[in-house]
Amino acid sequence: MNIKSIAFTKMHGAGNDFVVFDNRTYGFLLDEIIALTPRLCHRRFGVGADGVLVLEPSERADYRMIYRNADGSDAGMCGNGARCLARFAVRSGFPEKLSFMVHGSRYEAEVNKNEVSVFFPVEPKAGEFLTLFDRDALEIYSGTDHVVTWVDAGTLDDEALLRSQGRDIRNRQELFPKGTNVNFACEAQSPNQIYMKTYERGVEDLTLACGTGALATAVAHHHKKNPEADGSFSYEILCSGGTLKTSFRYNSEGRHYTGLRLSGPAVFTFDGTYFLDI
């Protein structure tokens, strides 16, 4: 690697923060990106972030998105990251309505002044309920692996407990061989609002928000409360770092969800230069 420095942008989506750069400038190979990610994400010796977002050229869409967790592992899809990279792409000259590839799947996004929306091609199908720590739980794939479990307000406030239980659930190989992200959900006063905190695989800690976790939580909540109700539904997911808006359609005959949409803030924090030879 002969490149001496990287121009990057720091961004966040409801507090879920990222180091972002345009790989059309550098041409890093995937193995090089993976090796760089823990350095960039280290909160004392690097820039500090939950993960790295990389924009690359694509023949099938406007661009290709690479996302790596803070430890360099593959996160699958990252909803907040996708929204941030879409805003970054628009600033770099892409149209406000755009498309991008992630792991061979094509996503759509719309960028406006106040928020960014991403439209997901995945169609989750709710399975059977699990029992985790004597609570109902549901496994939902929303572009990456998630499990949602319902807690009371007191438990949701106990972040030390959530970290401990999240770590335990994330590593239950007999249930989740690839590991999973763990979402703790608590009903709000409004029937269309849900409090959520997420223990993220690859970050190995609670994050301030999780986009794919918000979609998984909304789908799981609908399945728990209204499994026979067909139609279009929307939920606000109240995270520690801000509010994410979710919507989808549900067909009870096939028990599957379509038209998943995630909307929320995508914020530029600062631009900088990271030096590789130190």
C-alpha atoms as a PDB file:
ATOM      1  CA  MET A   1       0.000   0.000   0.000  1.00  0.00           C
ATOM      2  CA  ASN A   2       1.849   3.074  -1.298  1.00  0.00           C
ATOM      3  CA  ILE A   3      -0.891   5.579  -0.452  1.00  0.00           C
ATOM      4  CA  LYS A   4       0.223   7.842   2.396  1.00  0.00           C
ATOM      5  CA  SER A   5      -3.105   9.350   3.475  1.00  0.00           C
ATOM      6  CA  ILE A   6      -6.874   9.089   3.018  1.00  0.00           C
ATOM      7  CA  ALA A   7      -9.299  11.997   2.740  1.00  0.00           C
ATOM      8  CA  PHE A   8     -12.364  10.947   4.721  1.00  0.00           C
ATOM      9  CA  THR A   9     -15.682  12.301   5.943  1.00  0.00           C
ATOM     10  CA  LYS A  10     -17.108  11.590   9.378  1.00  0.00           C
ATOM     11  CA  MET A  11     -20.896  11.110   9.386  1.00  0.00           C
ATOM     12  CA  HIS A  12     -23.627   9.782  11.623  1.00  0.00           C
ATOM     13  CA  GLY A  13     -27.189   8.574  11.291  1.00  0.00           C
ATOM     14  CA  ALA A  14     -28.992   9.145  14.611  1.00  0.00           C
ATOM     15  CA  GLY A  15     -25.669   8.733  16.420  1.00  0.00           C
ATOM     16  CA  ASN A  16     -24.606   5.582  14.546  1.00  0.00           C
ATOM     17  CA  ASP A  17     -21.273   6.960  13.299  1.00  0.00           C
ATOM     18  CA  PHE A  18     -19.061   6.158  10.333  1.00  0.00           C
ATOM     19  CA  VAL A  19     -15.810   6.956   8.579  1.00  0.00           C
ATOM     20  CA  VAL A  20     -16.647   7.455   4.891  1.00  0.00           C
ATOM     21  CA  PHE A  21     -14.364   7.623   1.866  1.00  0.00           C
ATOM     22  CA  ASP A  22     -14.562   7.400  -1.918  1.00  0.00           C
ATOM     23  CA  ASN A  23     -12.528   4.418  -3.110  1.00  0.00           C
ATOM     24  CA  ARG A  24     -12.672   5.589  -6.716  1.00  0.00           C
ATOM     25  CA  THR A  25      -9.814   7.857  -5.650  1.00  0.00           C
ATOM     26  CA  TYR A  26      -7.662   5.132  -4.068  1.00  0.00           C
ATOM     27  CA  GLY A  27      -8.562   1.734  -5.503  1.00  0.00           C
ATOM     28  CA  PHE A  28      -8.047  -0.182  -2.262  1.00  0.00           C
ATOM     29  CA  LEU A  29      -8.679  -3.915  -2.478  1.00  0.00           C
ATOM     30  CA  LEU A  30     -11.224  -5.406  -0.079  1.00  0.00           C
ATOM     31  CA  ASP A  31      -8.501  -7.025   2.050  1.00  0.00           C
ATOM     32  CA  GLU A  32      -6.836  -3.625   2.400  1.00  0.00           C
ATOM     33  CA  ILE A  33     -10.130  -2.011   3.453  1.00  0.00           C
ATOM     34  CA  ILE A  34     -10.642  -4.755   6.034  1.00  0.00           C
ATOM     35  CA  ALA A  35      -7.142  -4.194   7.425  1.00  0.00           C
ATOM     36  CA  LEU A  36      -7.646  -0.415   7.565  1.00  0.00           C
ATOM     37  CA  THR A  37     -11.039  -0.497   9.268  1.00  0.00           C
ATOM     38  CA  PRO A  38     -10.003  -1.229  12.887  1.00  0.00           C
ATOM     39  CA  ARG A  39      -7.355   1.517  12.646  1.00  0.00           C
ATOM     40  CA  LEU A  40      -9.813   4.075  11.320  1.00  0.00           C
ATOM     41  CA  CYS A  41     -12.547   3.138  13.814  1.00  0.00           C
ATOM     42  CA  HIS A  42     -10.398   3.077  16.962  1.00  0.00           C
ATOM     43  CA  ARG A  43     -11.779   5.809  19.238  1.00  0.00           C
ATOM     44  CA  ARG A  44      -8.380   6.706  20.724  1.00  0.00           C
ATOM     45  CA  PHE A  45      -5.807   5.958  18.041  1.00  0.00           C
ATOM     46  CA  GLY A  46      -7.956   6.477  14.947  1.00  0.00           C
ATOM     47  CA  VAL A  47     -10.866   8.633  13.826  1.00  0.00           C
ATOM     48  CA  GLY A  48     -13.406   6.696  15.886  1.00  0.00           C
ATOM     49  CA  ALA A  49     -16.577   5.118  14.491  1.00  0.00           C
ATOM     50  CA  ASP A  50     -18.964   2.170  14.562  1.00  0.00           C
ATOM     51  CA  GLY A  51     -17.821   1.235  11.069  1.00  0.00           C
ATOM     52  CA  VAL A  52     -16.342   2.245   7.714  1.00  0.00           C
ATOM     53  CA  LEU A  53     -18.358   3.112   4.590  1.00  0.00           C
ATOM     54  CA  VAL A  54     -16.704   2.894   1.180  1.00  0.00           C
ATOM     55  CA  LEU A  55     -18.117   4.111  -2.134  1.00  0.00           C
ATOM     56  CA  GLU A  56     -17.029   2.120  -5.180  1.00  0.00           C
ATOM     57  CA  PRO A  57     -18.030   2.082  -8.858  1.00  0.00           C
ATOM     58  CA  SER A  58     -20.736  -0.312 -10.029  1.00  0.00           C
ATOM     59  CA  GLU A  59     -21.977  -1.432 -13.441  1.00  0.00           C
ATOM     60  CA  ARG A  60     -25.391  -2.385 -12.048  1.00  0.00           C
ATOM     61  CA  ALA A  61     -26.246   0.764 -10.080  1.00  0.00           C
ATOM     62  CA  ASP A  62     -24.971   4.281  -9.414  1.00  0.00           C
ATOM     63  CA  TYR A  63     -22.362   2.886  -7.020  1.00  0.00           C
ATOM     64  CA  ARG A  64     -21.466  -0.043  -4.805  1.00  0.00           C
ATOM     65  CA  MET A  65     -21.427   0.248  -1.021  1.00  0.00           C
ATOM     66  CA  ILE A  66     -18.912  -1.590   1.133  1.00  0.00           C
ATOM     67  CA  TYR A  67     -19.531  -1.544   4.866  1.00  0.00           C
ATOM     68  CA  ARG A  68     -17.317  -3.087   7.517  1.00  0.00           C
ATOM     69  CA  ASN A  69     -17.925  -3.224  11.251  1.00  0.00           C
ATOM     70  CA  ALA A  70     -15.447  -1.499  13.541  1.00  0.00           C
ATOM     71  CA  ASP A  71     -13.511  -4.755  13.935  1.00  0.00           C
ATOM     72  CA  GLY A  72     -13.298  -5.223  10.154  1.00  0.00           C
ATOM     73  CA  SER A  73     -15.939  -7.951   9.979  1.00  0.00           C
ATOM     74  CA  ASP A  74     -18.709  -8.048   7.396  1.00  0.00           C
ATOM     75  CA  ALA A  75     -21.936  -6.528   8.723  1.00  0.00           C
ATOM     76  CA  GLY A  76     -24.117  -7.567   5.816  1.00  0.00           C
ATOM     77  CA  MET A  77     -26.339  -4.536   5.226  1.00  0.00           C
ATOM     78  CA  CYS A  78     -26.168  -1.357   7.347  1.00  0.00           C
ATOM     79  CA  GLY A  79     -29.274   0.831   7.137  1.00  0.00           C
ATOM     80  CA  ASN A  80     -27.903   3.961   8.775  1.00  0.00           C
ATOM     81  CA  GLY A  81     -24.659   3.548   6.869  1.00  0.00           C
ATOM     82  CA  ALA A  82     -26.547   3.256   3.588  1.00  0.00           C
ATOM     83  CA  ARG A  83     -28.396   6.489   4.317  1.00  0.00           C
ATOM     84  CA  CYS A  84     -25.148   8.293   5.174  1.00  0.00           C
ATOM     85  CA  LEU A  85     -23.360   7.002   2.094  1.00  0.00           C
ATOM     86  CA  ALA A  86     -26.291   8.121  -0.074  1.00  0.00           C
ATOM     87  CA  ARG A  87     -25.963  11.692   1.231  1.00  0.00           C
ATOM     88  CA  PHE A  88     -22.187  11.499   0.756  1.00  0.00           C
ATOM     89  CA  ALA A  89     -22.764  10.309  -2.832  1.00  0.00           C
ATOM     90  CA  VAL A  90     -25.086  13.228  -3.580  1.00  0.00           C
ATOM     91  CA  ARG A  91     -22.469  15.648  -2.259  1.00  0.00           C
ATOM     92  CA  SER A  92     -20.021  13.918  -4.610  1.00  0.00           C
ATOM     93  CA  GLY A  93     -22.230  14.581  -7.636  1.00  0.00           C
ATOM     94  CA  PHE A  94     -24.682  11.683  -7.750  1.00  0.00           C
ATOM     95  CA  PRO A  95     -28.456  12.362  -8.232  1.00  0.00           C
ATOM     96  CA  GLU A  96     -30.802  12.761  -5.257  1.00  0.00           C
ATOM     97  CA  LYS A  97     -32.668   9.629  -6.327  1.00  0.00           C
ATOM     98  CA  LEU A  98     -30.095   6.897  -6.737  1.00  0.00           C
ATOM     99  CA  SER A  99     -29.368   3.194  -6.596  1.00  0.00           C
ATOM    100  CA  PHE A 100     -26.547   1.185  -5.075  1.00  0.00           C
ATOM    101  CA  MET A 101     -25.410  -2.410  -4.712  1.00  0.00           C
ATOM    102  CA  VAL A 102     -24.698  -4.257  -1.462  1.00  0.00           C
ATOM    103  CA  HIS A 103     -23.667  -7.933  -1.585  1.00  0.00           C
ATOM    104  CA  GLY A 104     -25.307  -8.387  -4.979  1.00  0.00           C
ATOM    105  CA  SER A 105     -28.630  -6.779  -4.004  1.00  0.00           C
ATOM    106  CA  ARG A 106     -29.842  -3.489  -5.500  1.00  0.00           C
ATOM    107  CA  TYR A 107     -31.210  -0.822  -3.173  1.00  0.00           C
ATOM    108  CA  GLU A 108     -32.856   2.538  -3.917  1.00  0.00           C
ATOM    109  CA  ALA A 109     -32.421   5.779  -1.968  1.00  0.00           C
ATOM    110  CA  GLU A 110     -33.862   9.284  -1.908  1.00  0.00           C
ATOM    111  CA  VAL A 111     -31.935  12.196  -0.398  1.00  0.00           C
ATOM    112  CA  ASN A 112     -33.569  15.459   0.640  1.00  0.00           C
ATOM    113  CA  LYS A 113     -32.687  18.315   2.934  1.00  0.00           C
ATOM    114  CA  ASN A 114     -34.102  16.843   6.130  1.00  0.00           C
ATOM    115  CA  GLU A 115     -33.660  13.087   5.777  1.00  0.00           C
ATOM    116  CA  VAL A 116     -32.539  10.183   3.647  1.00  0.00           C
ATOM    117  CA  SER A 117     -34.748   7.197   2.818  1.00  0.00           C
ATOM    118  CA  VAL A 118     -33.540   3.777   1.726  1.00  0.00           C
ATOM    119  CA  PHE A 119     -35.831   1.185   0.127  1.00  0.00           C
ATOM    120  CA  PHE A 120     -34.931  -2.419   0.931  1.00  0.00           C
ATOM    121  CA  PRO A 121     -35.410  -5.311  -1.524  1.00  0.00           C
ATOM    122  CA  VAL A 122     -35.495  -7.917   1.261  1.00  0.00           C
ATOM    123  CA  GLU A 123     -38.819  -9.529   2.193  1.00  0.00           C
ATOM    124  CA  PRO A 124     -38.650 -10.860   5.769  1.00  0.00           C
ATOM    125  CA  LYS A 125     -40.917 -13.684   6.796  1.00  0.00           C
ATOM    126  CA  ALA A 126     -41.686 -13.940  10.494  1.00  0.00           C
ATOM    127  CA  GLY A 127     -40.946 -17.304  12.048  1.00  0.00           C
ATOM    128  CA  GLU A 128     -41.694 -18.864  15.405  1.00  0.00           C
ATOM    129  CA  PHE A 129     -41.111 -17.069  18.683  1.00  0.00           C
ATOM    130  CA  LEU A 130     -38.059 -17.919  20.755  1.00  0.00           C
ATOM    131  CA  THR A 131     -37.581 -17.571  24.504  1.00  0.00           C
ATOM    132  CA  LEU A 132     -34.470 -15.677  25.629  1.00  0.00           C
ATOM    133  CA  PHE A 133     -33.941 -14.742  29.279  1.00  0.00           C
ATOM    134  CA  ASP A 134     -37.589 -15.768  29.869  1.00  0.00           C
ATOM    135  CA  ARG A 135     -38.806 -13.217  27.312  1.00  0.00           C
ATOM    136  CA  ASP A 136     -40.353 -13.527  23.877  1.00  0.00           C
ATOM    137  CA  ALA A 137     -37.912 -13.037  21.025  1.00  0.00           C
ATOM    138  CA  LEU A 138     -38.176 -13.165  17.250  1.00  0.00           C
ATOM    139  CA  GLU A 139     -35.474 -13.651  14.620  1.00  0.00           C
ATOM    140  CA  ILE A 140     -35.840 -11.265  11.650  1.00  0.00           C
ATOM    141  CA  TYR A 141     -33.563 -10.887   8.625  1.00  0.00           C
ATOM    142  CA  SER A 142     -33.693  -7.258   7.445  1.00  0.00           C
ATOM    143  CA  GLY A 143     -30.648  -7.293   5.194  1.00  0.00           C
ATOM    144  CA  THR A 144     -28.548  -8.718   7.996  1.00  0.00           C
ATOM    145  CA  ASP A 145     -29.127 -10.942  11.035  1.00  0.00           C
ATOM    146  CA  HIS A 146     -31.237  -9.647  13.922  1.00  0.00           C
ATOM    147  CA  VAL A 147     -33.123 -10.949  16.907  1.00  0.00           C
ATOM    148  CA  VAL A 148     -35.675  -8.768  18.703  1.00  0.00           C
ATOM    149  CA  THR A 149     -36.649  -9.275  22.325  1.00  0.00           C
ATOM    150  CA  TRP A 150     -39.146  -7.268  24.356  1.00  0.00           C
ATOM    151  CA  VAL A 151     -38.204  -5.714  27.702  1.00  0.00           C
ATOM    152  CA  ASP A 152     -39.749  -3.329  30.208  1.00  0.00           C
ATOM    153  CA  ALA A 153     -38.681   0.296  30.629  1.00  0.00           C
ATOM    154  CA  GLY A 154     -36.515  -0.437  33.659  1.00  0.00           C
ATOM    155  CA  THR A 155     -34.565  -3.112  31.826  1.00  0.00           C
ATOM    156  CA  LEU A 156     -34.147  -0.858  28.789  1.00  0.00           C
ATOM    157  CA  ASP A 157     -32.528   1.777  31.042  1.00  0.00           C
ATOM    158  CA  ASP A 158     -30.043  -0.732  32.490  1.00  0.00           C
ATOM    159  CA  GLU A 159     -27.378  -0.580  29.789  1.00  0.00           C
ATOM    160  CA  ALA A 160     -24.913  -2.725  31.729  1.00  0.00           C
ATOM    161  CA  LEU A 161     -27.517  -5.497  31.783  1.00  0.00           C
ATOM    162  CA  LEU A 162     -28.295  -5.005  28.086  1.00  0.00           C
ATOM    163  CA  ARG A 163     -24.607  -5.305  27.215  1.00  0.00           C
ATOM    164  CA  SER A 164     -24.318  -8.508  29.206  1.00  0.00           C
ATOM    165  CA  GLN A 165     -27.463 -10.081  27.779  1.00  0.00           C
ATOM    166  CA  GLY A 166     -26.738  -8.796  24.283  1.00  0.00           C
ATOM    167  CA  ARG A 167     -23.266 -10.351  24.348  1.00  0.00           C
ATOM    168  CA  ASP A 168     -24.723 -13.631  25.598  1.00  0.00           C
ATOM    169  CA  ILE A 169     -27.448 -13.809  22.932  1.00  0.00           C
ATOM    170  CA  ARG A 170     -25.123 -12.653  20.141  1.00  0.00           C
ATOM    171  CA  ASN A 171     -22.786 -15.575  20.902  1.00  0.00           C
ATOM    172  CA  ARG A 172     -25.338 -18.394  21.233  1.00  0.00           C
ATOM    173  CA  GLN A 173     -23.901 -20.531  18.464  1.00  0.00           C
ATOM    174  CA  GLU A 174     -26.591 -23.200  18.802  1.00  0.00           C
ATOM    175  CA  LEU A 175     -29.230 -20.610  17.803  1.00  0.00           C
ATOM    176  CA  PHE A 176     -27.227 -18.150  15.713  1.00  0.00           C
ATOM    177  CA  PRO A 177     -24.224 -19.884  14.103  1.00  0.00           C
ATOM    178  CA  LYS A 178     -23.059 -16.648  12.412  1.00  0.00           C
ATOM    179  CA  GLY A 179     -23.792 -14.531  15.466  1.00  0.00           C
ATOM    180  CA  THR A 180     -26.533 -11.913  15.420  1.00  0.00           C
ATOM    181  CA  ASN A 181     -27.446  -8.346  16.308  1.00  0.00           C
ATOM    182  CA  VAL A 182     -29.652  -8.073  19.389  1.00  0.00           C
ATOM    183  CA  ASN A 183     -32.442  -5.496  19.648  1.00  0.00           C
ATOM    184  CA  PHE A 184     -34.141  -4.728  22.957  1.00  0.00           C
ATOM    185  CA  ALA A 185     -37.597  -3.251  22.318  1.00  0.00           C
ATOM    186  CA  CYS A 186     -39.995  -1.508  24.670  1.00  0.00           C
ATOM    187  CA  GLU A 187     -43.431  -0.175  23.764  1.00  0.00           C
ATOM    188  CA  ALA A 188     -43.911   3.593  24.006  1.00  0.00           C
ATOM    189  CA  GLN A 189     -47.138   5.362  24.917  1.00  0.00           C
ATOM    190  CA  SER A 190     -48.039   5.795  21.259  1.00  0.00           C
ATOM    191  CA  PRO A 191     -48.948   2.508  19.524  1.00  0.00           C
ATOM    192  CA  ASN A 192     -46.793   3.517  16.561  1.00  0.00           C
ATOM    193  CA  GLN A 193     -43.656   4.267  18.576  1.00  0.00           C
ATOM    194  CA  ILE A 194     -41.145   1.779  19.954  1.00  0.00           C
ATOM    195  CA  TYR A 195     -38.078   2.361  22.109  1.00  0.00           C
ATOM    196  CA  MET A 196     -35.075   0.332  20.977  1.00  0.00           C
ATOM    197  CA  LYS A 197     -31.475  -0.295  21.949  1.00  0.00           C
ATOM    198  CA  THR A 198     -29.195  -2.546  19.896  1.00  0.00           C
ATOM    199  CA  TYR A 199     -26.169  -4.628  20.762  1.00  0.00           C
ATOM    200  CA  GLU A 200     -24.315  -4.773  17.439  1.00  0.00           C
ATOM    201  CA  ARG A 201     -22.249  -7.706  16.255  1.00  0.00           C
ATOM    202  CA  GLY A 202     -18.823  -6.476  15.120  1.00  0.00           C
ATOM    203  CA  VAL A 203     -19.027  -3.378  17.313  1.00  0.00           C
ATOM    204  CA  GLU A 204     -19.569  -5.659  20.335  1.00  0.00           C
ATOM    205  CA  ASP A 205     -21.369  -2.956  22.253  1.00  0.00           C
ATOM    206  CA  LEU A 206     -24.580  -0.965  22.318  1.00  0.00           C
ATOM    207  CA  THR A 207     -24.783   1.620  19.558  1.00  0.00           C
ATOM    208  CA  LEU A 208     -26.818   4.836  19.582  1.00  0.00           C
ATOM    209  CA  ALA A 209     -28.982   3.595  16.695  1.00  0.00           C
ATOM    210  CA  CYS A 210     -29.233   0.729  14.203  1.00  0.00           C
ATOM    211  CA  GLY A 211     -31.109   1.074  10.932  1.00  0.00           C
ATOM    212  CA  THR A 212     -31.555  -2.591  10.032  1.00  0.00           C
ATOM    213  CA  GLY A 213     -32.343  -3.164  13.714  1.00  0.00           C
ATOM    214  CA  ALA A 214     -35.088  -0.537  13.522  1.00  0.00           C
ATOM    215  CA  LEU A 215     -36.658  -2.343  10.547  1.00  0.00           C
ATOM    216  CA  ALA A 216     -36.346  -5.717  12.288  1.00  0.00           C
ATOM    217  CA  THR A 217     -37.916  -4.299  15.448  1.00  0.00           C
ATOM    218  CA  ALA A 218     -40.817  -2.737  13.533  1.00  0.00           C
ATOM    219  CA  VAL A 219     -41.511  -5.993  11.684  1.00  0.00           C
ATOM    220  CA  ALA A 220     -41.235  -8.067  14.878  1.00  0.00           C
ATOM    221  CA  HIS A 221     -43.513  -5.667  16.762  1.00  0.00           C
ATOM    222  CA  HIS A 222     -46.175  -5.901  14.065  1.00  0.00           C
ATOM    223  CA  HIS A 223     -45.921  -9.690  14.046  1.00  0.00           C
ATOM    224  CA  LYS A 224     -46.322  -9.799  17.809  1.00  0.00           C
ATOM    225  CA  LYS A 225     -49.245  -7.358  17.986  1.00  0.00           C
ATOM    226  CA  ASN A 226     -51.101  -7.623  14.664  1.00  0.00           C
ATOM    227  CA  PRO A 227     -50.126 -10.868  12.901  1.00  0.00           C
ATOM    228  CA  GLU A 228     -53.447 -11.070  11.020  1.00  0.00           C
ATOM    229  CA  ALA A 229     -53.613  -7.384  10.027  1.00  0.00           C
ATOM    230  CA  ASP A 230     -52.871  -6.859   6.336  1.00  0.00           C
ATOM    231  CA  GLY A 231     -51.953  -3.513   4.801  1.00  0.00           C
ATOM    232  CA  SER A 232     -49.353  -0.762   5.117  1.00  0.00           C
ATOM    233  CA  PHE A 233     -47.810   0.070   8.482  1.00  0.00           C
ATOM    234  CA  SER A 234     -45.360   2.617   9.840  1.00  0.00           C
ATOM    235  CA  TYR A 235     -43.505   2.864  13.146  1.00  0.00           C
ATOM    236  CA  GLU A 236     -41.157   5.387  14.682  1.00  0.00           C
ATOM    237  CA  ILE A 237     -38.221   3.705  16.395  1.00  0.00           C
ATOM    238  CA  LEU A 238     -36.906   5.811  19.263  1.00  0.00           C
ATOM    239  CA  CYS A 239     -33.157   5.198  19.644  1.00  0.00           C
ATOM    240  CA  SER A 240     -30.676   6.770  22.047  1.00  0.00           C
ATOM    241  CA  GLY A 241     -29.256   8.891  19.204  1.00  0.00           C
ATOM    242  CA  GLY A 242     -32.494   9.925  17.528  1.00  0.00           C
ATOM    243  CA  THR A 243     -35.635   8.730  15.761  1.00  0.00           C
ATOM    244  CA  LEU A 244     -35.753   6.414  12.759  1.00  0.00           C
ATOM    245  CA  LYS A 245     -38.903   6.023  10.654  1.00  0.00           C
ATOM    246  CA  THR A 246     -39.872   2.648   9.257  1.00  0.00           C
ATOM    247  CA  SER A 247     -42.672   1.455   6.992  1.00  0.00           C
ATOM    248  CA  PHE A 248     -43.667  -1.728   5.147  1.00  0.00           C
ATOM    249  CA  ARG A 249     -46.552  -3.732   3.713  1.00  0.00           C
ATOM    250  CA  TYR A 250     -47.742  -7.024   5.170  1.00  0.00           C
ATOM    251  CA  ASN A 251     -49.573  -9.956   3.611  1.00  0.00           C
ATOM    252  CA  SER A 252     -50.930 -12.392   6.196  1.00  0.00           C
ATOM    253  CA  GLU A 253     -51.542 -15.175   3.665  1.00  0.00           C
ATOM    254  CA  GLY A 254     -47.855 -15.464   2.888  1.00  0.00           C
ATOM    255  CA  ARG A 255     -46.808 -14.089   6.288  1.00  0.00           C
ATOM    256  CA  HIS A 256     -44.179 -11.925   4.648  1.00  0.00           C
ATOM    257  CA  TYR A 257     -43.256  -8.248   4.614  1.00  0.00           C
ATOM    258  CA  THR A 258     -42.498  -6.171   1.526  1.00  0.00           C
ATOM    259  CA  GLY A 259     -41.740  -2.561   0.645  1.00  0.00           C
ATOM    260  CA  LEU A 260     -39.430  -1.987   3.606  1.00  0.00           C
ATOM    261  CA  ARG A 261     -38.399   1.656   3.930  1.00  0.00           C
ATOM    262  CA  LEU A 262     -36.031   3.270   6.435  1.00  0.00           C
ATOM    263  CA  SER A 263     -35.857   7.060   6.840  1.00  0.00           C
ATOM    264  CA  GLY A 264     -33.993   9.376   9.158  1.00  0.00           C
ATOM    265  CA  PRO A 265     -31.142  11.857   9.545  1.00  0.00           C
ATOM    266  CA  ALA A 266     -27.776  11.488   7.817  1.00  0.00           C
ATOM    267  CA  VAL A 267     -25.409  14.144   9.094  1.00  0.00           C
ATOM    268  CA  PHE A 268     -21.972  15.377   8.030  1.00  0.00           C
ATOM    269  CA  THR A 269     -19.761  15.868  11.092  1.00  0.00           C
ATOM    270  CA  PHE A 270     -16.381  16.819   9.610  1.00  0.00           C
ATOM    271  CA  ASP A 271     -13.918  16.156   6.810  1.00  0.00           C
ATOM    272  CA  GLY A 272     -10.358  15.129   7.568  1.00  0.00           C
ATOM    273  CA  THR A 273      -7.158  13.388   6.504  1.00  0.00           C
ATOM    274  CA  TYR A 274      -5.967  10.128   8.001  1.00  0.00           C
ATOM    275  CA  PHE A 275      -2.238   9.434   7.651  1.00  0.00           C
ATOM    276  CA  LEU A 276      -1.360   5.805   6.967  1.00  0.00           C
ATOM    277  CA  ASP A 277       2.361   5.916   7.742  1.00  0.00           C
ATOM    278  CA  ILE A 278       2.109   6.709  11.468  1.00  0.00           C
END
